[in-house]
PDB file of N, CA and C in Angstrom:
ATOM      1  N   MET A   1     -40.381  38.810 -54.706  1.00  0.00           N
ATOM      2  CA  MET A   1     -39.444  37.898 -54.147  1.00  0.00           C
ATOM      3  C   MET A   1     -39.183  38.314 -52.623  1.00  0.00           C
ATOM      4  N   PRO A   2     -39.060  37.372 -51.749  1.00  0.00           N
ATOM      5  CA  PRO A   2     -38.781  37.701 -50.338  1.00  0.00           C
ATOM      6  C   PRO A   2     -37.373  38.232 -50.136  1.00  0.00           C
ATOM      7  N   ASP A   3     -37.200  38.916 -49.050  1.00  0.00           N
ATOM      8  CA  ASP A   3     -35.924  39.541 -48.795  1.00  0.00           C
ATOM      9  C   ASP A   3     -34.953  38.494 -48.168  1.00  0.00           C
ATOM     10  N   LEU A   4     -34.350  37.657 -48.957  1.00  0.00           N
ATOM     11  CA  LEU A   4     -33.462  36.616 -48.512  1.00  0.00           C
ATOM     12  C   LEU A   4     -32.098  36.900 -49.150  1.00  0.00           C
ATOM     13  N   PRO A   5     -31.000  36.464 -48.447  1.00  0.00           N
ATOM     14  CA  PRO A   5     -29.666  36.643 -49.052  1.00  0.00           C
ATOM     15  C   PRO A   5     -29.507  35.777 -50.320  1.00  0.00           C
ATOM     16  N   THR A   6     -28.760  36.307 -51.312  1.00  0.00           N
ATOM     17  CA  THR A   6     -28.475  35.447 -52.453  1.00  0.00           C
ATOM     18  C   THR A   6     -27.068  34.909 -52.315  1.00  0.00           C
ATOM     19  N   GLU A   7     -26.319  35.364 -51.296  1.00  0.00           N
ATOM     20  CA  GLU A   7     -24.992  34.805 -51.056  1.00  0.00           C
ATOM     21  C   GLU A   7     -24.781  34.615 -49.518  1.00  0.00           C
ATOM     22  N   LEU A   8     -24.136  33.570 -49.133  1.00  0.00           N
ATOM     23  CA  LEU A   8     -23.757  33.328 -47.745  1.00  0.00           C
ATOM     24  C   LEU A   8     -22.282  32.841 -47.687  1.00  0.00           C
ATOM     25  N   SER A   9     -21.644  33.210 -46.695  1.00  0.00           N
ATOM     26  CA  SER A   9     -20.268  32.712 -46.404  1.00  0.00           C
ATOM     27  C   SER A   9     -20.200  32.049 -45.088  1.00  0.00           C
ATOM     28  N   VAL A  10     -19.582  30.832 -44.983  1.00  0.00           N
ATOM     29  CA  VAL A  10     -19.396  30.126 -43.778  1.00  0.00           C
ATOM     30  C   VAL A  10     -17.986  29.536 -43.830  1.00  0.00           C
ATOM     31  N   THR A  11     -17.505  29.110 -42.688  1.00  0.00           N
ATOM     32  CA  THR A  11     -16.226  28.381 -42.572  1.00  0.00           C
ATOM     33  C   THR A  11     -16.477  26.914 -42.394  1.00  0.00           C
ATOM     34  N   VAL A  12     -15.455  26.070 -42.743  1.00  0.00           N
ATOM     35  CA  VAL A  12     -15.593  24.677 -42.581  1.00  0.00           C
ATOM     36  C   VAL A  12     -15.949  24.387 -41.142  1.00  0.00           C
ATOM     37  N   GLY A  13     -16.975  23.638 -40.906  1.00  0.00           N
ATOM     38  CA  GLY A  13     -17.459  23.328 -39.557  1.00  0.00           C
ATOM     39  C   GLY A  13     -18.396  24.398 -38.974  1.00  0.00           C
ATOM     40  N   GLY A  14     -18.455  25.605 -39.547  1.00  0.00           N
ATOM     41  CA  GLY A  14     -19.298  26.668 -39.063  1.00  0.00           C
ATOM     42  C   GLY A  14     -20.724  26.516 -39.788  1.00  0.00           C
ATOM     43  N   SER A  15     -21.626  27.340 -39.222  1.00  0.00           N
ATOM     44  CA  SER A  15     -22.935  27.304 -39.760  1.00  0.00           C
ATOM     45  C   SER A  15     -23.531  28.752 -39.808  1.00  0.00           C
ATOM     46  N   ALA A  16     -24.561  28.891 -40.595  1.00  0.00           N
ATOM     47  CA  ALA A  16     -25.354  30.111 -40.697  1.00  0.00           C
ATOM     48  C   ALA A  16     -26.794  29.796 -40.614  1.00  0.00           C
ATOM     49  N   ARG A  17     -27.538  30.631 -39.923  1.00  0.00           N
ATOM     50  CA  ARG A  17     -29.054  30.462 -39.817  1.00  0.00           C
ATOM     51  C   ARG A  17     -29.714  31.707 -40.443  1.00  0.00           C
ATOM     52  N   VAL A  18     -30.709  31.407 -41.269  1.00  0.00           N
ATOM     53  CA  VAL A  18     -31.489  32.534 -41.906  1.00  0.00           C
ATOM     54  C   VAL A  18     -32.937  32.234 -41.678  1.00  0.00           C
ATOM     55  N   THR A  19     -33.591  33.204 -41.042  1.00  0.00           N
ATOM     56  CA  THR A  19     -35.051  33.056 -40.879  1.00  0.00           C
ATOM     57  C   THR A  19     -35.783  33.281 -42.169  1.00  0.00           C
ATOM     58  N   LEU A  20     -36.608  32.317 -42.564  1.00  0.00           N
ATOM     59  CA  LEU A  20     -37.298  32.365 -43.829  1.00  0.00           C
ATOM     60  C   LEU A  20     -38.634  33.113 -43.661  1.00  0.00           C
ATOM     61  N   PRO A  21     -39.153  33.835 -44.674  1.00  0.00           N
ATOM     62  CA  PRO A  21     -40.460  34.450 -44.594  1.00  0.00           C
ATOM     63  C   PRO A  21     -41.525  33.441 -44.362  1.00  0.00           C
ATOM     64  N   ASP A  22     -42.499  33.785 -43.485  1.00  0.00           N
ATOM     65  CA  ASP A  22     -43.537  32.826 -42.995  1.00  0.00           C
ATOM     66  C   ASP A  22     -44.845  33.105 -43.719  1.00  0.00           C
ATOM     67  N   HIS A  23     -45.286  32.101 -44.482  1.00  0.00           N
ATOM     68  CA  HIS A  23     -46.565  32.103 -45.129  1.00  0.00           C
ATOM     69  C   HIS A  23     -47.294  30.853 -44.698  1.00  0.00           C
ATOM     70  N   GLY A  24     -47.022  30.281 -43.543  1.00  0.00           N
ATOM     71  CA  GLY A  24     -47.554  28.995 -43.096  1.00  0.00           C
ATOM     72  C   GLY A  24     -49.006  28.896 -43.016  1.00  0.00           C
ATOM     73  N   SER A  25     -49.695  30.031 -42.728  1.00  0.00           N
ATOM     74  CA  SER A  25     -51.156  29.987 -42.605  1.00  0.00           C
ATOM     75  C   SER A  25     -51.848  29.609 -43.958  1.00  0.00           C
ATOM     76  N   GLY A  26     -51.087  29.791 -45.019  1.00  0.00           N
ATOM     77  CA  GLY A  26     -51.598  29.413 -46.391  1.00  0.00           C
ATOM     78  C   GLY A  26     -51.131  28.009 -46.789  1.00  0.00           C
ATOM     79  N   GLY A  27     -50.476  27.270 -45.892  1.00  0.00           N
ATOM     80  CA  GLY A  27     -49.997  25.944 -46.177  1.00  0.00           C
ATOM     81  C   GLY A  27     -48.661  25.902 -46.894  1.00  0.00           C
ATOM     82  N   TYR A  28     -48.034  27.049 -47.024  1.00  0.00           N
ATOM     83  CA  TYR A  28     -46.705  27.070 -47.690  1.00  0.00           C
ATOM     84  C   TYR A  28     -45.579  26.675 -46.769  1.00  0.00           C
ATOM     85  N   ARG A  29     -44.623  25.875 -47.335  1.00  0.00           N
ATOM     86  CA  ARG A  29     -43.469  25.465 -46.644  1.00  0.00           C
ATOM     87  C   ARG A  29     -42.217  25.631 -47.541  1.00  0.00           C
ATOM     88  N   TRP A  30     -41.093  25.810 -46.941  1.00  0.00           N
ATOM     89  CA  TRP A  30     -39.837  25.955 -47.674  1.00  0.00           C
ATOM     90  C   TRP A  30     -39.160  24.609 -47.719  1.00  0.00           C
ATOM     91  N   THR A  31     -38.572  24.333 -48.917  1.00  0.00           N
ATOM     92  CA  THR A  31     -37.660  23.206 -49.048  1.00  0.00           C
ATOM     93  C   THR A  31     -36.344  23.704 -49.622  1.00  0.00           C
ATOM     94  N   VAL A  32     -35.293  22.912 -49.495  1.00  0.00           N
ATOM     95  CA  VAL A  32     -33.999  23.304 -50.005  1.00  0.00           C
ATOM     96  C   VAL A  32     -33.286  22.101 -50.640  1.00  0.00           C
ATOM     97  N   GLU A  33     -32.685  22.376 -51.832  1.00  0.00           N
ATOM     98  CA  GLU A  33     -31.892  21.372 -52.511  1.00  0.00           C
ATOM     99  C   GLU A  33     -30.489  21.897 -52.574  1.00  0.00           C
ATOM    100  N   VAL A  34     -29.458  21.060 -52.478  1.00  0.00           N
ATOM    101  CA  VAL A  34     -28.092  21.496 -52.463  1.00  0.00           C
ATOM    102  C   VAL A  34     -27.395  20.916 -53.712  1.00  0.00           C
ATOM    103  N   SER A  35     -26.635  21.763 -54.432  1.00  0.00           N
ATOM    104  CA  SER A  35     -25.811  21.315 -55.521  1.00  0.00           C
ATOM    105  C   SER A  35     -24.357  21.618 -55.063  1.00  0.00           C
ATOM    106  N   GLY A  36     -23.482  20.622 -55.105  1.00  0.00           N
ATOM    107  CA  GLY A  36     -22.114  20.822 -54.677  1.00  0.00           C
ATOM    108  C   GLY A  36     -21.882  20.123 -53.356  1.00  0.00           C
ATOM    109  N   ASP A  37     -20.592  19.860 -53.055  1.00  0.00           N
ATOM    110  CA  ASP A  37     -20.182  19.082 -51.851  1.00  0.00           C
ATOM    111  C   ASP A  37     -19.671  19.987 -50.746  1.00  0.00           C
ATOM    112  N   ALA A  38     -19.564  21.302 -50.930  1.00  0.00           N
ATOM    113  CA  ALA A  38     -18.987  22.129 -49.892  1.00  0.00           C
ATOM    114  C   ALA A  38     -19.884  22.425 -48.726  1.00  0.00           C
ATOM    115  N   ALA A  39     -21.184  22.259 -48.876  1.00  0.00           N
ATOM    116  CA  ALA A  39     -22.064  22.666 -47.760  1.00  0.00           C
ATOM    117  C   ALA A  39     -23.251  21.710 -47.686  1.00  0.00           C
ATOM    118  N   SER A  40     -23.856  21.621 -46.478  1.00  0.00           N
ATOM    119  CA  SER A  40     -25.099  20.955 -46.335  1.00  0.00           C
ATOM    120  C   SER A  40     -26.119  22.030 -45.886  1.00  0.00           C
ATOM    121  N   ALA A  41     -27.381  21.789 -46.135  1.00  0.00           N
ATOM    122  CA  ALA A  41     -28.421  22.688 -45.766  1.00  0.00           C
ATOM    123  C   ALA A  41     -29.702  21.909 -45.397  1.00  0.00           C
ATOM    124  N   SER A  42     -30.477  22.543 -44.494  1.00  0.00           N
ATOM    125  CA  SER A  42     -31.692  21.956 -43.982  1.00  0.00           C
ATOM    126  C   SER A  42     -32.656  23.096 -43.670  1.00  0.00           C
ATOM    127  N   VAL A  43     -33.914  22.820 -43.689  1.00  0.00           N
ATOM    128  CA  VAL A  43     -34.920  23.713 -43.252  1.00  0.00           C
ATOM    129  C   VAL A  43     -35.469  23.184 -41.957  1.00  0.00           C
ATOM    130  N   GLU A  44     -35.436  23.961 -40.892  1.00  0.00           N
ATOM    131  CA  GLU A  44     -35.842  23.545 -39.569  1.00  0.00           C
ATOM    132  C   GLU A  44     -37.029  24.379 -39.134  1.00  0.00           C
ATOM    133  N   TYR A  45     -37.791  23.899 -38.132  1.00  0.00           N
ATOM    134  CA  TYR A  45     -38.916  24.605 -37.580  1.00  0.00           C
ATOM    135  C   TYR A  45     -38.544  25.164 -36.274  1.00  0.00           C
ATOM    136  N   ASP A  46     -38.837  26.458 -36.013  1.00  0.00           N
ATOM    137  CA  ASP A  46     -38.640  27.114 -34.741  1.00  0.00           C
ATOM    138  C   ASP A  46     -39.945  27.788 -34.345  1.00  0.00           C
ATOM    139  N   GLU A  47     -40.215  27.774 -33.102  1.00  0.00           N
ATOM    140  CA  GLU A  47     -41.414  28.486 -32.645  1.00  0.00           C
ATOM    141  C   GLU A  47     -41.101  29.976 -32.780  1.00  0.00           C
ATOM    142  N   MET A  48     -42.022  30.748 -33.298  1.00  0.00           N
ATOM    143  CA  MET A  48     -41.816  32.176 -33.569  1.00  0.00           C
ATOM    144  C   MET A  48     -42.113  32.966 -32.295  1.00  0.00           C
ATOM    145  N   GLY A  49     -41.427  34.094 -32.184  1.00  0.00           N
ATOM    146  CA  GLY A  49     -41.666  34.987 -31.008  1.00  0.00           C
ATOM    147  C   GLY A  49     -40.625  34.807 -29.983  1.00  0.00           C
ATOM    148  N   ASP A  50     -40.703  35.635 -28.938  1.00  0.00           N
ATOM    149  CA  ASP A  50     -39.749  35.632 -27.867  1.00  0.00           C
ATOM    150  C   ASP A  50     -40.052  34.695 -26.710  1.00  0.00           C
ATOM    151  N   ALA A  51     -41.196  34.147 -26.749  1.00  0.00           N
ATOM    152  CA  ALA A  51     -41.636  33.314 -25.575  1.00  0.00           C
ATOM    153  C   ALA A  51     -40.882  32.010 -25.567  1.00  0.00           C
ATOM    154  N   GLU A  52     -40.911  31.356 -24.367  1.00  0.00           N
ATOM    155  CA  GLU A  52     -40.289  30.073 -24.248  1.00  0.00           C
ATOM    156  C   GLU A  52     -40.976  29.100 -25.225  1.00  0.00           C
ATOM    157  N   PRO A  53     -40.220  28.162 -25.779  1.00  0.00           N
ATOM    158  CA  PRO A  53     -40.880  27.176 -26.629  1.00  0.00           C
ATOM    159  C   PRO A  53     -41.939  26.444 -25.834  1.00  0.00           C
ATOM    160  N   SER A  54     -43.039  26.110 -26.530  1.00  0.00           N
ATOM    161  CA  SER A  54     -44.112  25.424 -25.819  1.00  0.00           C
ATOM    162  C   SER A  54     -44.742  24.481 -26.861  1.00  0.00           C
ATOM    163  N   HIS A  55     -45.629  23.679 -26.350  1.00  0.00           N
ATOM    164  CA  HIS A  55     -46.391  22.766 -27.123  1.00  0.00           C
ATOM    165  C   HIS A  55     -47.927  23.150 -27.084  1.00  0.00           C
ATOM    166  N   ARG A  56     -48.139  24.437 -26.879  1.00  0.00           N
ATOM    167  CA  ARG A  56     -49.515  24.896 -26.757  1.00  0.00           C
ATOM    168  C   ARG A  56     -50.227  24.848 -28.075  1.00  0.00           C
ATOM    169  N   PRO A  57     -51.497  24.565 -28.140  1.00  0.00           N
ATOM    170  CA  PRO A  57     -52.167  24.542 -29.405  1.00  0.00           C
ATOM    171  C   PRO A  57     -52.153  25.922 -30.088  1.00  0.00           C
ATOM    172  N   GLY A  58     -51.975  25.925 -31.353  1.00  0.00           N
ATOM    173  CA  GLY A  58     -51.987  27.186 -32.026  1.00  0.00           C
ATOM    174  C   GLY A  58     -50.657  27.942 -32.093  1.00  0.00           C
ATOM    175  N   ALA A  59     -49.613  27.369 -31.463  1.00  0.00           N
ATOM    176  CA  ALA A  59     -48.298  28.035 -31.532  1.00  0.00           C
ATOM    177  C   ALA A  59     -47.828  28.014 -32.923  1.00  0.00           C
ATOM    178  N   ARG A  60     -47.273  29.159 -33.355  1.00  0.00           N
ATOM    179  CA  ARG A  60     -46.787  29.333 -34.690  1.00  0.00           C
ATOM    180  C   ARG A  60     -45.342  28.802 -34.821  1.00  0.00           C
ATOM    181  N   LEU A  61     -45.079  28.043 -35.807  1.00  0.00           N
ATOM    182  CA  LEU A  61     -43.739  27.552 -36.022  1.00  0.00           C
ATOM    183  C   LEU A  61     -43.211  28.159 -37.364  1.00  0.00           C
ATOM    184  N   GLY A  62     -42.075  28.913 -37.235  1.00  0.00           N
ATOM    185  CA  GLY A  62     -41.446  29.501 -38.374  1.00  0.00           C
ATOM    186  C   GLY A  62     -40.425  28.558 -38.953  1.00  0.00           C
ATOM    187  N   GLN A  63     -39.903  28.867 -40.123  1.00  0.00           N
ATOM    188  CA  GLN A  63     -38.933  28.051 -40.672  1.00  0.00           C
ATOM    189  C   GLN A  63     -37.541  28.736 -40.732  1.00  0.00           C
ATOM    190  N   VAL A  64     -36.522  28.008 -40.502  1.00  0.00           N
ATOM    191  CA  VAL A  64     -35.119  28.578 -40.534  1.00  0.00           C
ATOM    192  C   VAL A  64     -34.310  27.768 -41.440  1.00  0.00           C
ATOM    193  N   LEU A  65     -33.516  28.378 -42.335  1.00  0.00           N
ATOM    194  CA  LEU A  65     -32.567  27.736 -43.176  1.00  0.00           C
ATOM    195  C   LEU A  65     -31.282  27.564 -42.355  1.00  0.00           C
ATOM    196  N   VAL A  66     -30.732  26.369 -42.245  1.00  0.00           N
ATOM    197  CA  VAL A  66     -29.451  26.151 -41.537  1.00  0.00           C
ATOM    198  C   VAL A  66     -28.453  25.648 -42.622  1.00  0.00           C
ATOM    199  N   VAL A  67     -27.297  26.398 -42.802  1.00  0.00           N
ATOM    200  CA  VAL A  67     -26.309  26.012 -43.720  1.00  0.00           C
ATOM    201  C   VAL A  67     -25.058  25.691 -42.953  1.00  0.00           C
ATOM    202  N   THR A  68     -24.416  24.540 -43.245  1.00  0.00           N
ATOM    203  CA  THR A  68     -23.221  24.154 -42.516  1.00  0.00           C
ATOM    204  C   THR A  68     -22.043  23.949 -43.603  1.00  0.00           C
ATOM    205  N   GLY A  69     -20.903  24.467 -43.269  1.00  0.00           N
ATOM    206  CA  GLY A  69     -19.768  24.315 -44.157  1.00  0.00           C
ATOM    207  C   GLY A  69     -19.132  22.961 -43.980  1.00  0.00           C
ATOM    208  N   LEU A  70     -18.985  22.131 -45.013  1.00  0.00           N
ATOM    209  CA  LEU A  70     -18.369  20.831 -44.953  1.00  0.00           C
ATOM    210  C   LEU A  70     -16.926  20.814 -45.378  1.00  0.00           C
ATOM    211  N   GLN A  71     -16.685  21.486 -46.466  1.00  0.00           N
ATOM    212  CA  GLN A  71     -15.286  21.588 -46.987  1.00  0.00           C
ATOM    213  C   GLN A  71     -15.162  22.884 -47.786  1.00  0.00           C
ATOM    214  N   ALA A  72     -13.924  23.326 -47.975  1.00  0.00           N
ATOM    215  CA  ALA A  72     -13.715  24.580 -48.688  1.00  0.00           C
ATOM    216  C   ALA A  72     -14.215  24.396 -50.109  1.00  0.00           C
ATOM    217  N   GLY A  73     -14.905  25.452 -50.619  1.00  0.00           N
ATOM    218  CA  GLY A  73     -15.446  25.417 -51.965  1.00  0.00           C
ATOM    219  C   GLY A  73     -16.721  26.144 -52.030  1.00  0.00           C
ATOM    220  N   ASP A  74     -17.538  25.855 -53.018  1.00  0.00           N
ATOM    221  CA  ASP A  74     -18.804  26.524 -53.276  1.00  0.00           C
ATOM    222  C   ASP A  74     -19.927  25.533 -53.442  1.00  0.00           C
ATOM    223  N   ALA A  75     -21.127  25.938 -53.106  1.00  0.00           N
ATOM    224  CA  ALA A  75     -22.366  25.195 -53.290  1.00  0.00           C
ATOM    225  C   ALA A  75     -23.463  26.196 -53.659  1.00  0.00           C
ATOM    226  N   LEU A  76     -24.455  25.619 -54.265  1.00  0.00           N
ATOM    227  CA  LEU A  76     -25.631  26.322 -54.757  1.00  0.00           C
ATOM    228  C   LEU A  76     -26.863  25.765 -54.083  1.00  0.00           C
ATOM    229  N   LEU A  77     -27.617  26.631 -53.334  1.00  0.00           N
ATOM    230  CA  LEU A  77     -28.862  26.160 -52.778  1.00  0.00           C
ATOM    231  C   LEU A  77     -30.051  26.597 -53.583  1.00  0.00           C
ATOM    232  N   ALA A  78     -31.024  25.742 -53.713  1.00  0.00           N
ATOM    233  CA  ALA A  78     -32.215  26.075 -54.388  1.00  0.00           C
ATOM    234  C   ALA A  78     -33.347  26.089 -53.376  1.00  0.00           C
ATOM    235  N   LEU A  79     -33.740  27.266 -52.839  1.00  0.00           N
ATOM    236  CA  LEU A  79     -34.805  27.335 -51.909  1.00  0.00           C
ATOM    237  C   LEU A  79     -36.117  27.556 -52.656  1.00  0.00           C
ATOM    238  N   THR A  80     -37.162  26.742 -52.279  1.00  0.00           N
ATOM    239  CA  THR A  80     -38.408  26.791 -52.943  1.00  0.00           C
ATOM    240  C   THR A  80     -39.501  26.769 -51.931  1.00  0.00           C
ATOM    241  N   GLU A  81     -40.495  27.706 -52.147  1.00  0.00           N
ATOM    242  CA  GLU A  81     -41.635  27.745 -51.230  1.00  0.00           C
ATOM    243  C   GLU A  81     -42.873  27.281 -51.988  1.00  0.00           C
ATOM    244  N   ARG A  82     -43.538  26.176 -51.431  1.00  0.00           N
ATOM    245  CA  ARG A  82     -44.665  25.632 -52.088  1.00  0.00           C
ATOM    246  C   ARG A  82     -45.607  24.937 -51.088  1.00  0.00           C
ATOM    247  N   ARG A  83     -46.775  24.599 -51.553  1.00  0.00           N
ATOM    248  CA  ARG A  83     -47.669  23.754 -50.723  1.00  0.00           C
ATOM    249  C   ARG A  83     -47.390  22.292 -51.102  1.00  0.00           C
ATOM    250  N   SER A  84     -47.400  21.479 -50.107  1.00  0.00           N
ATOM    251  CA  SER A  84     -47.011  20.085 -50.316  1.00  0.00           C
ATOM    252  C   SER A  84     -47.934  19.391 -51.296  1.00  0.00           C
ATOM    253  N   TRP A  85     -49.210  19.757 -51.414  1.00  0.00           N
ATOM    254  CA  TRP A  85     -50.147  19.032 -52.271  1.00  0.00           C
ATOM    255  C   TRP A  85     -50.138  19.597 -53.717  1.00  0.00           C
ATOM    256  N   GLU A  86     -49.384  20.657 -53.965  1.00  0.00           N
ATOM    257  CA  GLU A  86     -49.296  21.232 -55.341  1.00  0.00           C
ATOM    258  C   GLU A  86     -48.131  20.689 -56.064  1.00  0.00           C
ATOM    259  N   THR A  87     -48.247  20.548 -57.383  1.00  0.00           N
ATOM    260  CA  THR A  87     -47.159  20.140 -58.202  1.00  0.00           C
ATOM    261  C   THR A  87     -46.634  21.266 -59.082  1.00  0.00           C
ATOM    262  N   GLY A  88     -45.529  21.185 -59.713  1.00  0.00           N
ATOM    263  CA  GLY A  88     -45.068  22.236 -60.517  1.00  0.00           C
ATOM    264  C   GLY A  88     -44.076  23.109 -59.718  1.00  0.00           C
ATOM    265  N   PRO A  89     -43.728  24.215 -60.337  1.00  0.00           N
ATOM    266  CA  PRO A  89     -42.800  25.103 -59.602  1.00  0.00           C
ATOM    267  C   PRO A  89     -43.442  25.724 -58.446  1.00  0.00           C
ATOM    268  N   GLY A  90     -42.656  26.040 -57.414  1.00  0.00           N
ATOM    269  CA  GLY A  90     -43.149  26.663 -56.172  1.00  0.00           C
ATOM    270  C   GLY A  90     -43.553  28.123 -56.525  1.00  0.00           C
ATOM    271  N   VAL A  91     -44.256  28.676 -55.515  1.00  0.00           N
ATOM    272  CA  VAL A  91     -44.676  30.081 -55.622  1.00  0.00           C
ATOM    273  C   VAL A  91     -43.447  31.026 -55.507  1.00  0.00           C
ATOM    274  N   THR A  92     -42.411  30.591 -54.850  1.00  0.00           N
ATOM    275  CA  THR A  92     -41.161  31.400 -54.719  1.00  0.00           C
ATOM    276  C   THR A  92     -40.001  30.478 -54.881  1.00  0.00           C
ATOM    277  N   ALA A  93     -39.014  30.903 -55.667  1.00  0.00           N
ATOM    278  CA  ALA A  93     -37.766  30.184 -55.816  1.00  0.00           C
ATOM    279  C   ALA A  93     -36.603  31.111 -55.697  1.00  0.00           C
ATOM    280  N   VAL A  94     -35.689  30.729 -54.824  1.00  0.00           N
ATOM    281  CA  VAL A  94     -34.527  31.680 -54.523  1.00  0.00           C
ATOM    282  C   VAL A  94     -33.260  30.887 -54.599  1.00  0.00           C
ATOM    283  N   PRO A  95     -32.333  31.231 -55.535  1.00  0.00           N
ATOM    284  CA  PRO A  95     -31.015  30.610 -55.517  1.00  0.00           C
ATOM    285  C   PRO A  95     -30.130  31.306 -54.497  1.00  0.00           C
ATOM    286  N   VAL A  96     -29.344  30.553 -53.771  1.00  0.00           N
ATOM    287  CA  VAL A  96     -28.398  31.098 -52.787  1.00  0.00           C
ATOM    288  C   VAL A  96     -26.980  30.455 -53.056  1.00  0.00           C
ATOM    289  N   HIS A  97     -26.038  31.285 -53.293  1.00  0.00           N
ATOM    290  CA  HIS A  97     -24.640  30.843 -53.472  1.00  0.00           C
ATOM    291  C   HIS A  97     -23.975  30.817 -52.139  1.00  0.00           C
ATOM    292  N   VAL A  98     -23.372  29.691 -51.811  1.00  0.00           N
ATOM    293  CA  VAL A  98     -22.702  29.513 -50.526  1.00  0.00           C
ATOM    294  C   VAL A  98     -21.146  29.319 -50.822  1.00  0.00           C
ATOM    295  N   HIS A  99     -20.385  30.162 -50.124  1.00  0.00           N
ATOM    296  CA  HIS A  99     -18.984  30.062 -50.221  1.00  0.00           C
ATOM    297  C   HIS A  99     -18.421  29.569 -48.872  1.00  0.00           C
ATOM    298  N   VAL A 100     -17.724  28.414 -48.862  1.00  0.00           N
ATOM    299  CA  VAL A 100     -17.129  27.893 -47.677  1.00  0.00           C
ATOM    300  C   VAL A 100     -15.578  28.047 -47.666  1.00  0.00           C
ATOM    301  N   GLU A 101     -15.120  28.698 -46.609  1.00  0.00           N
ATOM    302  CA  GLU A 101     -13.704  28.933 -46.468  1.00  0.00           C
ATOM    303  C   GLU A 101     -13.131  28.081 -45.370  1.00  0.00           C
ATOM    304  N   ASP A 102     -11.834  27.716 -45.492  1.00  0.00           N
ATOM    305  CA  ASP A 102     -11.117  27.022 -44.429  1.00  0.00           C
ATOM    306  C   ASP A 102     -11.099  27.892 -43.233  1.00  0.00           C
ATOM    307  N   ARG A 103     -11.096  27.292 -42.020  1.00  0.00           N
ATOM    308  CA  ARG A 103     -10.933  27.993 -40.784  1.00  0.00           C
ATOM    309  C   ARG A 103      -9.558  28.484 -40.721  1.00  0.00           C
ATOM    310  N   GLU A 104      -9.428  29.668 -40.163  1.00  0.00           N
ATOM    311  CA  GLU A 104      -8.089  30.213 -39.948  1.00  0.00           C
ATOM    312  C   GLU A 104      -7.392  29.448 -38.879  1.00  0.00           C
ATOM    313  N   VAL A 105      -6.108  29.107 -39.091  1.00  0.00           N
ATOM    314  CA  VAL A 105      -5.394  28.387 -38.088  1.00  0.00           C
ATOM    315  C   VAL A 105      -4.433  29.341 -37.484  1.00  0.00           C
ATOM    316  N   HIS A 106      -4.505  29.516 -36.136  1.00  0.00           N
ATOM    317  CA  HIS A 106      -3.629  30.493 -35.392  1.00  0.00           C
ATOM    318  C   HIS A 106      -2.465  29.642 -34.844  1.00  0.00           C
ATOM    319  N   PRO A 107      -1.203  30.018 -35.107  1.00  0.00           N
ATOM    320  CA  PRO A 107      -0.105  29.349 -34.532  1.00  0.00           C
ATOM    321  C   PRO A 107      -0.098  29.524 -32.981  1.00  0.00           C
ATOM    322  N   SER A 108       0.309  28.434 -32.301  1.00  0.00           N
ATOM    323  CA  SER A 108       0.294  28.522 -30.830  1.00  0.00           C
ATOM    324  C   SER A 108       1.631  28.964 -30.287  1.00  0.00           C
TER     325      SER A 108
END
């Protein structure tokens, strides 16, 4: 199993980004499903490495999980890594518990 967090904490309106293990050369891609109303999640593509983003041929794109807190509470993410043309369970499945807390309000 890849080295991914099994728990994340964010505040309402805040977000967390987690770089996902890259196996793109084998055709594998990450997907995410969300259970619960406290958070939203998506998998985005980022160019890997420290160089300026470019559109050069052969540039490697890594995947990043982006989790955003919508309301106080809990959500469960189901991260799955699979090839788009394969059916059945993915090669990797990782559950991630997300706890969303209210933002602290500081009196003025």
